[in-house]
Amino acid sequence: QVQLVESGGGLVQAGGSLRLSCAASGNIFGVNAMGWYRQAPGKQRELVATISSGGNTNYADSVKGRFSVSRDNAKNTVYLQMNKLKPEDTAVYFCNIEAISWGPPRGYWGQGTQVTVSS
């Protein structure tokens, strides 16, 4: 089994910053891509940022230049640094990793952490 624990969400004023963390634990033999998604009320879950095992990153257009994704492979942890936050960034943020456990690689989701940006 693989468990993901997220932290770092909260309430912040527009223009502020937050840093999200997501630590994976359990029977992990390898980790491929890691990333962050978000879901606002009444909307579908959308990709925010991903980072490959080699460090290549990909961002949604709406967060480019403001958010930065990184990973610590020794800790099986992925981070999302969010700067210049806007009210439209308000959502539940979910981490996702593709991990190799007992069997082929598969995706795992965190429980979600609320980010609220006030205007």
PDB file of N, CA and C in Angstrom:
ATOM      1  N   GLN A   1       0.824  -1.195   0.000  1.00  0.00           N
ATOM      2  CA  GLN A   1       0.000   0.000   0.000  1.00  0.00           C
ATOM      3  C   GLN A   1       0.865   1.255   0.000  1.00  0.00           C
ATOM      4  N   VAL A   2       0.333   2.294  -0.635  1.00  0.00           N
ATOM      5  CA  VAL A   2       1.013   3.590  -0.698  1.00  0.00           C
ATOM      6  C   VAL A   2       0.069   4.630  -0.128  1.00  0.00           C
ATOM      7  N   GLN A   3       0.586   5.457   0.758  1.00  0.00           N
ATOM      8  CA  GLN A   3      -0.206   6.534   1.344  1.00  0.00           C
ATOM      9  C   GLN A   3       0.440   7.876   1.016  1.00  0.00           C
ATOM     10  N   LEU A   4      -0.407   8.850   0.725  1.00  0.00           N
ATOM     11  CA  LEU A   4       0.053  10.208   0.467  1.00  0.00           C
ATOM     12  C   LEU A   4      -0.520  11.130   1.523  1.00  0.00           C
ATOM     13  N   VAL A   5       0.324  11.967   2.103  1.00  0.00           N
ATOM     14  CA  VAL A   5      -0.127  12.921   3.108  1.00  0.00           C
ATOM     15  C   VAL A   5       0.250  14.324   2.643  1.00  0.00           C
ATOM     16  N   GLU A   6      -0.775  15.142   2.491  1.00  0.00           N
ATOM     17  CA  GLU A   6      -0.582  16.511   2.041  1.00  0.00           C
ATOM     18  C   GLU A   6      -0.596  17.471   3.223  1.00  0.00           C
ATOM     19  N   SER A   7       0.081  18.595   3.056  1.00  0.00           N
ATOM     20  CA  SER A   7       0.061  19.648   4.072  1.00  0.00           C
ATOM     21  C   SER A   7       0.366  20.977   3.414  1.00  0.00           C
ATOM     22  N   GLY A   8       0.037  22.049   4.123  1.00  0.00           N
ATOM     23  CA  GLY A   8       0.423  23.372   3.672  1.00  0.00           C
ATOM     24  C   GLY A   8      -0.686  24.261   3.162  1.00  0.00           C
ATOM     25  N   GLY A   9      -1.900  23.732   3.049  1.00  0.00           N
ATOM     26  CA  GLY A   9      -2.980  24.574   2.589  1.00  0.00           C
ATOM     27  C   GLY A   9      -3.400  25.580   3.646  1.00  0.00           C
ATOM     28  N   GLY A  10      -4.312  26.477   3.269  1.00  0.00           N
ATOM     29  CA  GLY A  10      -4.795  27.460   4.221  1.00  0.00           C
ATOM     30  C   GLY A  10      -5.428  28.647   3.544  1.00  0.00           C
ATOM     31  N   LEU A  11      -5.606  29.692   4.329  1.00  0.00           N
ATOM     32  CA  LEU A  11      -6.220  30.936   3.867  1.00  0.00           C
ATOM     33  C   LEU A  11      -5.132  31.991   3.718  1.00  0.00           C
ATOM     34  N   VAL A  12      -5.128  32.652   2.573  1.00  0.00           N
ATOM     35  CA  VAL A  12      -4.124  33.679   2.315  1.00  0.00           C
ATOM     36  C   VAL A  12      -4.755  34.802   1.515  1.00  0.00           C
ATOM     37  N   GLN A  13      -4.237  35.995   1.663  1.00  0.00           N
ATOM     38  CA  GLN A  13      -4.738  37.127   0.890  1.00  0.00           C
ATOM     39  C   GLN A  13      -4.160  37.101  -0.524  1.00  0.00           C
ATOM     40  N   ALA A  14      -4.867  37.698  -1.428  1.00  0.00           N
ATOM     41  CA  ALA A  14      -4.386  37.799  -2.802  1.00  0.00           C
ATOM     42  C   ALA A  14      -2.995  38.442  -2.814  1.00  0.00           C
ATOM     43  N   GLY A  15      -2.123  37.869  -3.646  1.00  0.00           N
ATOM     44  CA  GLY A  15      -0.750  38.334  -3.702  1.00  0.00           C
ATOM     45  C   GLY A  15       0.191  37.591  -2.778  1.00  0.00           C
ATOM     46  N   GLY A  16      -0.375  36.796  -1.890  1.00  0.00           N
ATOM     47  CA  GLY A  16       0.443  36.060  -0.934  1.00  0.00           C
ATOM     48  C   GLY A  16       0.980  34.754  -1.499  1.00  0.00           C
ATOM     49  N   SER A  17       1.607  33.986  -0.620  1.00  0.00           N
ATOM     50  CA  SER A  17       2.251  32.737  -1.029  1.00  0.00           C
ATOM     51  C   SER A  17       1.884  31.606  -0.079  1.00  0.00           C
ATOM     52  N   LEU A  18       1.903  30.404  -0.612  1.00  0.00           N
ATOM     53  CA  LEU A  18       1.748  29.179   0.168  1.00  0.00           C
ATOM     54  C   LEU A  18       2.648  28.117  -0.445  1.00  0.00           C
ATOM     55  N   ARG A  19       3.047  27.157   0.401  1.00  0.00           N
ATOM     56  CA  ARG A  19       3.823  26.030  -0.094  1.00  0.00           C
ATOM     57  C   ARG A  19       3.142  24.738   0.337  1.00  0.00           C
ATOM     58  N   LEU A  20       2.779  23.940  -0.638  1.00  0.00           N
ATOM     59  CA  LEU A  20       2.162  22.647  -0.374  1.00  0.00           C
ATOM     60  C   LEU A  20       3.214  21.546  -0.420  1.00  0.00           C
ATOM     61  N   SER A  21       3.014  20.546   0.431  1.00  0.00           N
ATOM     62  CA  SER A  21       3.882  19.370   0.445  1.00  0.00           C
ATOM     63  C   SER A  21       3.033  18.119   0.362  1.00  0.00           C
ATOM     64  N   CYS A  22       3.590  17.091  -0.231  1.00  0.00           N
ATOM     65  CA  CYS A  22       2.912  15.804  -0.328  1.00  0.00           C
ATOM     66  C   CYS A  22       3.952  14.708  -0.183  1.00  0.00           C
ATOM     67  N   ALA A  23       3.865  13.965   0.910  1.00  0.00           N
ATOM     68  CA  ALA A  23       4.839  12.921   1.196  1.00  0.00           C
ATOM     69  C   ALA A  23       4.209  11.547   0.990  1.00  0.00           C
ATOM     70  N   ALA A  24       4.891  10.717   0.245  1.00  0.00           N
ATOM     71  CA  ALA A  24       4.416   9.365  -0.012  1.00  0.00           C
ATOM     72  C   ALA A  24       5.162   8.377   0.884  1.00  0.00           C
ATOM     73  N   SER A  25       4.428   7.400   1.381  1.00  0.00           N
ATOM     74  CA  SER A  25       5.043   6.379   2.229  1.00  0.00           C
ATOM     75  C   SER A  25       4.391   5.036   1.951  1.00  0.00           C
ATOM     76  N   GLY A  26       5.022   3.987   2.474  1.00  0.00           N
ATOM     77  CA  GLY A  26       4.507   2.645   2.259  1.00  0.00           C
ATOM     78  C   GLY A  26       5.510   1.808   1.479  1.00  0.00           C
ATOM     79  N   ASN A  27       4.988   0.789   0.821  1.00  0.00           N
ATOM     80  CA  ASN A  27       5.839  -0.113   0.040  1.00  0.00           C
ATOM     81  C   ASN A  27       6.098   0.483  -1.336  1.00  0.00           C
ATOM     82  N   ILE A  28       7.055   1.405  -1.396  1.00  0.00           N
ATOM     83  CA  ILE A  28       7.363   2.114  -2.636  1.00  0.00           C
ATOM     84  C   ILE A  28       8.719   1.664  -3.140  1.00  0.00           C
ATOM     85  N   PHE A  29       8.756   1.151  -4.357  1.00  0.00           N
ATOM     86  CA  PHE A  29       9.996   0.688  -4.950  1.00  0.00           C
ATOM     87  C   PHE A  29      10.516   1.644  -6.015  1.00  0.00           C
ATOM     88  N   GLY A  30       9.706   2.632  -6.346  1.00  0.00           N
ATOM     89  CA  GLY A  30      10.111   3.634  -7.326  1.00  0.00           C
ATOM     90  C   GLY A  30       8.981   4.612  -7.546  1.00  0.00           C
ATOM     91  N   VAL A  31       9.338   5.823  -7.957  1.00  0.00           N
ATOM     92  CA  VAL A  31       8.333   6.856  -8.230  1.00  0.00           C
ATOM     93  C   VAL A  31       8.628   7.455  -9.586  1.00  0.00           C
ATOM     94  N   ASN A  32       7.632   7.525 -10.421  1.00  0.00           N
ATOM     95  CA  ASN A  32       7.775   8.166 -11.729  1.00  0.00           C
ATOM     96  C   ASN A  32       7.319   9.616 -11.612  1.00  0.00           C
ATOM     97  N   ALA A  33       6.320  10.000 -12.366  1.00  0.00           N
ATOM     98  CA  ALA A  33       5.865  11.388 -12.337  1.00  0.00           C
ATOM     99  C   ALA A  33       5.150  11.704 -11.025  1.00  0.00           C
ATOM    100  N   MET A  34       5.263  12.961 -10.622  1.00  0.00           N
ATOM    101  CA  MET A  34       4.551  13.479  -9.459  1.00  0.00           C
ATOM    102  C   MET A  34       3.894  14.785  -9.886  1.00  0.00           C
ATOM    103  N   GLY A  35       2.791  15.130  -9.251  1.00  0.00           N
ATOM    104  CA  GLY A  35       2.153  16.354  -9.678  1.00  0.00           C
ATOM    105  C   GLY A  35       1.049  16.829  -8.758  1.00  0.00           C
ATOM    106  N   TRP A  36       0.480  17.953  -9.159  1.00  0.00           N
ATOM    107  CA  TRP A  36      -0.601  18.584  -8.408  1.00  0.00           C
ATOM    108  C   TRP A  36      -1.766  18.890  -9.330  1.00  0.00           C
ATOM    109  N   TYR A  37      -2.953  18.676  -8.804  1.00  0.00           N
ATOM    110  CA  TYR A  37      -4.203  18.993  -9.483  1.00  0.00           C
ATOM    111  C   TYR A  37      -5.052  19.795  -8.513  1.00  0.00           C
ATOM    112  N   ARG A  38      -6.065  20.456  -9.042  1.00  0.00           N
ATOM    113  CA  ARG A  38      -6.961  21.204  -8.163  1.00  0.00           C
ATOM    114  C   ARG A  38      -8.382  21.110  -8.669  1.00  0.00           C
ATOM    115  N   GLN A  39      -9.307  21.293  -7.737  1.00  0.00           N
ATOM    116  CA  GLN A  39     -10.716  21.260  -8.078  1.00  0.00           C
ATOM    117  C   GLN A  39     -11.444  22.343  -7.313  1.00  0.00           C
ATOM    118  N   ALA A  40     -11.995  23.273  -8.066  1.00  0.00           N
ATOM    119  CA  ALA A  40     -12.784  24.350  -7.485  1.00  0.00           C
ATOM    120  C   ALA A  40     -14.241  23.909  -7.416  1.00  0.00           C
ATOM    121  N   PRO A  41     -15.040  24.522  -6.542  1.00  0.00           N
ATOM    122  CA  PRO A  41     -16.447  24.135  -6.429  1.00  0.00           C
ATOM    123  C   PRO A  41     -17.174  24.229  -7.770  1.00  0.00           C
ATOM    124  N   GLY A  42     -17.864  23.171  -8.128  1.00  0.00           N
ATOM    125  CA  GLY A  42     -18.637  23.156  -9.360  1.00  0.00           C
ATOM    126  C   GLY A  42     -17.830  22.962 -10.622  1.00  0.00           C
ATOM    127  N   LYS A  43     -16.525  22.726 -10.470  1.00  0.00           N
ATOM    128  CA  LYS A  43     -15.668  22.554 -11.642  1.00  0.00           C
ATOM    129  C   LYS A  43     -14.988  21.192 -11.622  1.00  0.00           C
ATOM    130  N   GLN A  44     -14.483  20.809 -12.786  1.00  0.00           N
ATOM    131  CA  GLN A  44     -13.763  19.552 -12.876  1.00  0.00           C
ATOM    132  C   GLN A  44     -12.342  19.705 -12.319  1.00  0.00           C
ATOM    133  N   ARG A  45     -11.782  18.575 -11.911  1.00  0.00           N
ATOM    134  CA  ARG A  45     -10.403  18.583 -11.458  1.00  0.00           C
ATOM    135  C   ARG A  45      -9.491  18.896 -12.649  1.00  0.00           C
ATOM    136  N   GLU A  46      -8.519  19.764 -12.420  1.00  0.00           N
ATOM    137  CA  GLU A  46      -7.631  20.177 -13.499  1.00  0.00           C
ATOM    138  C   GLU A  46      -6.170  20.071 -13.073  1.00  0.00           C
ATOM    139  N   LEU A  47      -5.324  19.867 -14.069  1.00  0.00           N
ATOM    140  CA  LEU A  47      -3.888  19.778 -13.815  1.00  0.00           C
ATOM    141  C   LEU A  47      -3.338  21.154 -13.461  1.00  0.00           C
ATOM    142  N   VAL A  48      -2.462  21.179 -12.454  1.00  0.00           N
ATOM    143  CA  VAL A  48      -1.776  22.410 -12.085  1.00  0.00           C
ATOM    144  C   VAL A  48      -0.313  22.342 -12.546  1.00  0.00           C
ATOM    145  N   ALA A  49       0.371  21.283 -12.123  1.00  0.00           N
ATOM    146  CA  ALA A  49       1.793  21.148 -12.454  1.00  0.00           C
ATOM    147  C   ALA A  49       2.224  19.703 -12.264  1.00  0.00           C
ATOM    148  N   THR A  50       3.167  19.276 -13.092  1.00  0.00           N
ATOM    149  CA  THR A  50       3.737  17.945 -12.941  1.00  0.00           C
ATOM    150  C   THR A  50       5.260  18.025 -13.059  1.00  0.00           C
ATOM    151  N   ILE A  51       5.915  17.013 -12.500  1.00  0.00           N
ATOM    152  CA  ILE A  51       7.363  16.917 -12.604  1.00  0.00           C
ATOM    153  C   ILE A  51       7.714  15.458 -12.820  1.00  0.00           C
ATOM    154  N   SER A  52       8.547  15.222 -13.818  1.00  0.00           N
ATOM    155  CA  SER A  52       8.918  13.853 -14.144  1.00  0.00           C
ATOM    156  C   SER A  52      10.030  13.367 -13.223  1.00  0.00           C
ATOM    157  N   SER A  53      10.345  12.092 -13.336  1.00  0.00           N
ATOM    158  CA  SER A  53      11.429  11.543 -12.531  1.00  0.00           C
ATOM    159  C   SER A  53      12.764  12.192 -12.886  1.00  0.00           C
ATOM    160  N   GLY A  54      12.861  12.723 -14.094  1.00  0.00           N
ATOM    161  CA  GLY A  54      14.083  13.395 -14.516  1.00  0.00           C
ATOM    162  C   GLY A  54      14.110  14.880 -14.229  1.00  0.00           C
ATOM    163  N   GLY A  55      13.020  15.377 -13.657  1.00  0.00           N
ATOM    164  CA  GLY A  55      12.966  16.788 -13.286  1.00  0.00           C
ATOM    165  C   GLY A  55      12.311  17.705 -14.299  1.00  0.00           C
ATOM    166  N   ASN A  56      11.792  17.142 -15.386  1.00  0.00           N
ATOM    167  CA  ASN A  56      11.092  17.988 -16.350  1.00  0.00           C
ATOM    168  C   ASN A  56       9.736  18.401 -15.780  1.00  0.00           C
ATOM    169  N   THR A  57       9.403  19.682 -15.940  1.00  0.00           N
ATOM    170  CA  THR A  57       8.179  20.221 -15.366  1.00  0.00           C
ATOM    171  C   THR A  57       7.198  20.659 -16.446  1.00  0.00           C
ATOM    172  N   ASN A  58       5.938  20.677 -16.041  1.00  0.00           N
ATOM    173  CA  ASN A  58       4.863  21.098 -16.931  1.00  0.00           C
ATOM    174  C   ASN A  58       3.845  21.855 -16.094  1.00  0.00           C
ATOM    175  N   TYR A  59       3.353  22.987 -16.604  1.00  0.00           N
ATOM    176  CA  TYR A  59       2.445  23.824 -15.839  1.00  0.00           C
ATOM    177  C   TYR A  59       1.202  24.175 -16.656  1.00  0.00           C
ATOM    178  N   ALA A  60       0.103  24.346 -15.962  1.00  0.00           N
ATOM    179  CA  ALA A  60      -1.075  24.929 -16.591  1.00  0.00           C
ATOM    180  C   ALA A  60      -0.759  26.378 -16.932  1.00  0.00           C
ATOM    181  N   ASP A  61      -1.321  26.856 -18.019  1.00  0.00           N
ATOM    182  CA  ASP A  61      -1.054  28.239 -18.441  1.00  0.00           C
ATOM    183  C   ASP A  61      -1.422  29.238 -17.351  1.00  0.00           C
ATOM    184  N   SER A  62      -2.453  28.930 -16.594  1.00  0.00           N
ATOM    185  CA  SER A  62      -2.960  29.867 -15.590  1.00  0.00           C
ATOM    186  C   SER A  62      -1.998  30.068 -14.417  1.00  0.00           C
ATOM    187  N   VAL A  63      -1.030  29.177 -14.249  1.00  0.00           N
ATOM    188  CA  VAL A  63      -0.122  29.291 -13.101  1.00  0.00           C
ATOM    189  C   VAL A  63       1.322  29.517 -13.513  1.00  0.00           C
ATOM    190  N   LYS A  64       1.591  29.495 -14.793  1.00  0.00           N
ATOM    191  CA  LYS A  64       2.972  29.690 -15.253  1.00  0.00           C
ATOM    192  C   LYS A  64       3.522  31.022 -14.757  1.00  0.00           C
ATOM    193  N   GLY A  65       4.754  30.973 -14.264  1.00  0.00           N
ATOM    194  CA  GLY A  65       5.391  32.179 -13.753  1.00  0.00           C
ATOM    195  C   GLY A  65       5.043  32.504 -12.316  1.00  0.00           C
ATOM    196  N   ARG A  66       4.065  31.801 -11.748  1.00  0.00           N
ATOM    197  CA  ARG A  66       3.664  32.053 -10.353  1.00  0.00           C
ATOM    198  C   ARG A  66       3.896  30.829  -9.464  1.00  0.00           C
ATOM    199  N   PHE A  67       3.693  29.646 -10.003  1.00  0.00           N
ATOM    200  CA  PHE A  67       3.831  28.405  -9.239  1.00  0.00           C
ATOM    201  C   PHE A  67       5.093  27.671  -9.668  1.00  0.00           C
ATOM    202  N   SER A  68       5.654  26.910  -8.734  1.00  0.00           N
ATOM    203  CA  SER A  68       6.837  26.113  -9.034  1.00  0.00           C
ATOM    204  C   SER A  68       6.716  24.751  -8.354  1.00  0.00           C
ATOM    205  N   VAL A  69       6.871  23.694  -9.142  1.00  0.00           N
ATOM    206  CA  VAL A  69       6.801  22.328  -8.607  1.00  0.00           C
ATOM    207  C   VAL A  69       8.220  21.774  -8.479  1.00  0.00           C
ATOM    208  N   SER A  70       8.455  21.043  -7.413  1.00  0.00           N
ATOM    209  CA  SER A  70       9.763  20.422  -7.187  1.00  0.00           C
ATOM    210  C   SER A  70       9.561  19.103  -6.447  1.00  0.00           C
ATOM    211  N   ARG A  71      10.620  18.325  -6.362  1.00  0.00           N
ATOM    212  CA  ARG A  71      10.512  17.030  -5.692  1.00  0.00           C
ATOM    213  C   ARG A  71      11.806  16.687  -4.981  1.00  0.00           C
ATOM    214  N   ASP A  72      11.649  15.905  -3.923  1.00  0.00           N
ATOM    215  CA  ASP A  72      12.783  15.363  -3.184  1.00  0.00           C
ATOM    216  C   ASP A  72      12.668  13.848  -3.286  1.00  0.00           C
ATOM    217  N   ASN A  73      13.460  13.267  -4.148  1.00  0.00           N
ATOM    218  CA  ASN A  73      13.331  11.833  -4.409  1.00  0.00           C
ATOM    219  C   ASN A  73      13.698  10.987  -3.188  1.00  0.00           C
ATOM    220  N   ALA A  74      14.614  11.471  -2.383  1.00  0.00           N
ATOM    221  CA  ALA A  74      15.019  10.709  -1.195  1.00  0.00           C
ATOM    222  C   ALA A  74      13.880  10.600  -0.192  1.00  0.00           C
ATOM    223  N   LYS A  75      12.993  11.587  -0.221  1.00  0.00           N
ATOM    224  CA  LYS A  75      11.873  11.617   0.719  1.00  0.00           C
ATOM    225  C   LYS A  75      10.544  11.252   0.057  1.00  0.00           C
ATOM    226  N   ASN A  76      10.579  10.943  -1.239  1.00  0.00           N
ATOM    227  CA  ASN A  76       9.328  10.667  -1.973  1.00  0.00           C
ATOM    228  C   ASN A  76       8.306  11.770  -1.737  1.00  0.00           C
ATOM    229  N   THR A  77       8.768  12.990  -1.851  1.00  0.00           N
ATOM    230  CA  THR A  77       7.928  14.153  -1.556  1.00  0.00           C
ATOM    231  C   THR A  77       7.917  15.108  -2.741  1.00  0.00           C
ATOM    232  N   VAL A  78       6.747  15.650  -3.000  1.00  0.00           N
ATOM    233  CA  VAL A  78       6.598  16.659  -4.044  1.00  0.00           C
ATOM    234  C   VAL A  78       6.072  17.936  -3.393  1.00  0.00           C
ATOM    235  N   TYR A  79       6.537  19.061  -3.907  1.00  0.00           N
ATOM    236  CA  TYR A  79       6.183  20.367  -3.359  1.00  0.00           C
ATOM    237  C   TYR A  79       5.542  21.229  -4.447  1.00  0.00           C
ATOM    238  N   LEU A  80       4.738  22.187  -3.998  1.00  0.00           N
ATOM    239  CA  LEU A  80       4.192  23.185  -4.902  1.00  0.00           C
ATOM    240  C   LEU A  80       4.321  24.542  -4.217  1.00  0.00           C
ATOM    241  N   GLN A  81       5.220  25.358  -4.728  1.00  0.00           N
ATOM    242  CA  GLN A  81       5.375  26.722  -4.229  1.00  0.00           C
ATOM    243  C   GLN A  81       4.448  27.620  -5.033  1.00  0.00           C
ATOM    244  N   MET A  82       3.541  28.277  -4.344  1.00  0.00           N
ATOM    245  CA  MET A  82       2.548  29.112  -5.002  1.00  0.00           C
ATOM    246  C   MET A  82       2.759  30.558  -4.585  1.00  0.00           C
ATOM    247  N   ASN A  83       3.098  31.400  -5.544  1.00  0.00           N
ATOM    248  CA  ASN A  83       3.315  32.824  -5.298  1.00  0.00           C
ATOM    249  C   ASN A  83       2.293  33.649  -6.053  1.00  0.00           C
ATOM    250  N   LYS A  84       2.170  34.893  -5.650  1.00  0.00           N
ATOM    251  CA  LYS A  84       1.248  35.818  -6.319  1.00  0.00           C
ATOM    252  C   LYS A  84      -0.132  35.179  -6.476  1.00  0.00           C
ATOM    253  N   LEU A  85      -0.625  34.630  -5.409  1.00  0.00           N
ATOM    254  CA  LEU A  85      -1.903  33.919  -5.456  1.00  0.00           C
ATOM    255  C   LEU A  85      -3.050  34.854  -5.792  1.00  0.00           C
ATOM    256  N   LYS A  86      -4.018  34.315  -6.508  1.00  0.00           N
ATOM    257  CA  LYS A  86      -5.203  35.049  -6.939  1.00  0.00           C
ATOM    258  C   LYS A  86      -6.443  34.357  -6.379  1.00  0.00           C
ATOM    259  N   PRO A  87      -7.534  35.087  -6.232  1.00  0.00           N
ATOM    260  CA  PRO A  87      -8.785  34.451  -5.758  1.00  0.00           C
ATOM    261  C   PRO A  87      -9.194  33.258  -6.615  1.00  0.00           C
ATOM    262  N   GLU A  88      -8.902  33.308  -7.895  1.00  0.00           N
ATOM    263  CA  GLU A  88      -9.278  32.193  -8.774  1.00  0.00           C
ATOM    264  C   GLU A  88      -8.426  30.947  -8.556  1.00  0.00           C
ATOM    265  N   ASP A  89      -7.400  31.052  -7.728  1.00  0.00           N
ATOM    266  CA  ASP A  89      -6.612  29.867  -7.362  1.00  0.00           C
ATOM    267  C   ASP A  89      -7.283  29.071  -6.233  1.00  0.00           C
ATOM    268  N   THR A  90      -8.345  29.610  -5.671  1.00  0.00           N
ATOM    269  CA  THR A  90      -9.059  28.926  -4.598  1.00  0.00           C
ATOM    270  C   THR A  90      -9.598  27.589  -5.080  1.00  0.00           C
ATOM    271  N   ALA A  91      -9.231  26.531  -4.373  1.00  0.00           N
ATOM    272  CA  ALA A  91      -9.630  25.178  -4.761  1.00  0.00           C
ATOM    273  C   ALA A  91      -9.093  24.195  -3.728  1.00  0.00           C
ATOM    274  N   VAL A  92      -9.537  22.956  -3.861  1.00  0.00           N
ATOM    275  CA  VAL A  92      -8.891  21.860  -3.133  1.00  0.00           C
ATOM    276  C   VAL A  92      -7.770  21.337  -4.025  1.00  0.00           C
ATOM    277  N   TYR A  93      -6.587  21.259  -3.471  1.00  0.00           N
ATOM    278  CA  TYR A  93      -5.417  20.814  -4.216  1.00  0.00           C
ATOM    279  C   TYR A  93      -5.091  19.370  -3.852  1.00  0.00           C
ATOM    280  N   PHE A  94      -4.898  18.560  -4.883  1.00  0.00           N
ATOM    281  CA  PHE A  94      -4.607  17.136  -4.712  1.00  0.00           C
ATOM    282  C   PHE A  94      -3.247  16.813  -5.314  1.00  0.00           C
ATOM    283  N   CYS A  95      -2.448  16.042  -4.597  1.00  0.00           N
ATOM    284  CA  CYS A  95      -1.223  15.555  -5.210  1.00  0.00           C
ATOM    285  C   CYS A  95      -1.489  14.188  -5.828  1.00  0.00           C
ATOM    286  N   ASN A  96      -0.689  13.876  -6.799  1.00  0.00           N
ATOM    287  CA  ASN A  96      -0.797  12.599  -7.499  1.00  0.00           C
ATOM    288  C   ASN A  96       0.599  12.112  -7.825  1.00  0.00           C
ATOM    289  N   ILE A  97       0.861  10.843  -7.550  1.00  0.00           N
ATOM    290  CA  ILE A  97       2.145  10.273  -7.934  1.00  0.00           C
ATOM    291  C   ILE A  97       1.920   8.952  -8.641  1.00  0.00           C
ATOM    292  N   GLU A  98       2.824   8.634  -9.532  1.00  0.00           N
ATOM    293  CA  GLU A  98       2.832   7.314 -10.151  1.00  0.00           C
ATOM    294  C   GLU A  98       3.937   6.524  -9.460  1.00  0.00           C
ATOM    295  N   ALA A  99       3.531   5.547  -8.686  1.00  0.00           N
ATOM    296  CA  ALA A  99       4.492   4.800  -7.874  1.00  0.00           C
ATOM    297  C   ALA A  99       4.497   3.329  -8.256  1.00  0.00           C
ATOM    298  N   ILE A 100       5.633   2.728  -8.022  1.00  0.00           N
ATOM    299  CA  ILE A 100       5.796   1.300  -8.235  1.00  0.00           C
ATOM    300  C   ILE A 100       5.777   0.642  -6.862  1.00  0.00           C
ATOM    301  N   SER A 101       4.732  -0.105  -6.626  1.00  0.00           N
ATOM    302  CA  SER A 101       4.606  -0.839  -5.364  1.00  0.00           C
ATOM    303  C   SER A 101       4.566  -2.322  -5.712  1.00  0.00           C
ATOM    304  N   TRP A 102       3.716  -3.069  -5.117  1.00  0.00           N
ATOM    305  CA  TRP A 102       3.579  -4.477  -5.465  1.00  0.00           C
ATOM    306  C   TRP A 102       2.757  -4.590  -6.728  1.00  0.00           C
ATOM    307  N   GLY A 103       3.414  -4.601  -7.875  1.00  0.00           N
ATOM    308  CA  GLY A 103       2.721  -4.665  -9.148  1.00  0.00           C
ATOM    309  C   GLY A 103       3.197  -3.576 -10.081  1.00  0.00           C
ATOM    310  N   PRO A 104       2.487  -3.387 -11.185  1.00  0.00           N
ATOM    311  CA  PRO A 104       2.889  -2.365 -12.161  1.00  0.00           C
ATOM    312  C   PRO A 104       2.680  -0.963 -11.603  1.00  0.00           C
ATOM    313  N   PRO A 105       3.323   0.040 -12.214  1.00  0.00           N
ATOM    314  CA  PRO A 105       3.132   1.423 -11.756  1.00  0.00           C
ATOM    315  C   PRO A 105       1.673   1.837 -11.847  1.00  0.00           C
ATOM    316  N   ARG A 106       1.234   2.592 -10.870  1.00  0.00           N
ATOM    317  CA  ARG A 106      -0.127   3.118 -10.898  1.00  0.00           C
ATOM    318  C   ARG A 106      -0.166   4.443 -10.166  1.00  0.00           C
ATOM    319  N   GLY A 107      -1.219   5.185 -10.408  1.00  0.00           N
ATOM    320  CA  GLY A 107      -1.372   6.498  -9.805  1.00  0.00           C
ATOM    321  C   GLY A 107      -2.016   6.439  -8.432  1.00  0.00           C
ATOM    322  N   TYR A 108      -1.552   7.288  -7.547  1.00  0.00           N
ATOM    323  CA  TYR A 108      -2.117   7.407  -6.208  1.00  0.00           C
ATOM    324  C   TYR A 108      -2.450   8.877  -5.951  1.00  0.00           C
ATOM    325  N   TRP A 109      -3.538   9.106  -5.214  1.00  0.00           N
ATOM    326  CA  TRP A 109      -4.002  10.462  -4.915  1.00  0.00           C
ATOM    327  C   TRP A 109      -3.878  10.758  -3.431  1.00  0.00           C
ATOM    328  N   GLY A 110      -3.543  12.022  -3.139  1.00  0.00           N
ATOM    329  CA  GLY A 110      -3.614  12.492  -1.774  1.00  0.00           C
ATOM    330  C   GLY A 110      -5.051  12.810  -1.398  1.00  0.00           C
ATOM    331  N   GLN A 111      -5.249  13.179  -0.123  1.00  0.00           N
ATOM    332  CA  GLN A 111      -6.606  13.405   0.378  1.00  0.00           C
ATOM    333  C   GLN A 111      -7.126  14.785   0.021  1.00  0.00           C
ATOM    334  N   GLY A 112      -6.244  15.664  -0.420  1.00  0.00           N
ATOM    335  CA  GLY A 112      -6.645  17.015  -0.781  1.00  0.00           C
ATOM    336  C   GLY A 112      -6.419  17.997   0.362  1.00  0.00           C
ATOM    337  N   THR A 113      -6.032  19.210  -0.002  1.00  0.00           N
ATOM    338  CA  THR A 113      -5.850  20.271   0.981  1.00  0.00           C
ATOM    339  C   THR A 113      -6.464  21.552   0.422  1.00  0.00           C
ATOM    340  N   GLN A 114      -7.199  22.241   1.263  1.00  0.00           N
ATOM    341  CA  GLN A 114      -7.929  23.439   0.822  1.00  0.00           C
ATOM    342  C   GLN A 114      -7.001  24.649   0.761  1.00  0.00           C
ATOM    343  N   VAL A 115      -7.078  25.346  -0.343  1.00  0.00           N
ATOM    344  CA  VAL A 115      -6.389  26.630  -0.505  1.00  0.00           C
ATOM    345  C   VAL A 115      -7.456  27.675  -0.788  1.00  0.00           C
ATOM    346  N   THR A 116      -7.508  28.702   0.034  1.00  0.00           N
ATOM    347  CA  THR A 116      -8.476  29.774  -0.133  1.00  0.00           C
ATOM    348  C   THR A 116      -7.737  31.094  -0.217  1.00  0.00           C
ATOM    349  N   VAL A 117      -7.991  31.824  -1.292  1.00  0.00           N
ATOM    350  CA  VAL A 117      -7.339  33.114  -1.518  1.00  0.00           C
ATOM    351  C   VAL A 117      -8.404  34.198  -1.457  1.00  0.00           C
ATOM    352  N   SER A 118      -8.260  35.093  -0.510  1.00  0.00           N
ATOM    353  CA  SER A 118      -9.238  36.166  -0.346  1.00  0.00           C
ATOM    354  C   SER A 118      -8.799  37.404  -1.121  1.00  0.00           C
ATOM    355  N   SER A 119      -9.789  38.136  -1.595  1.00  0.00           N
ATOM    356  CA  SER A 119      -9.482  39.333  -2.399  1.00  0.00           C
ATOM    357  C   SER A 119      -9.341  40.557  -1.524  1.00  0.00           C
TER     358      SER A 119
END
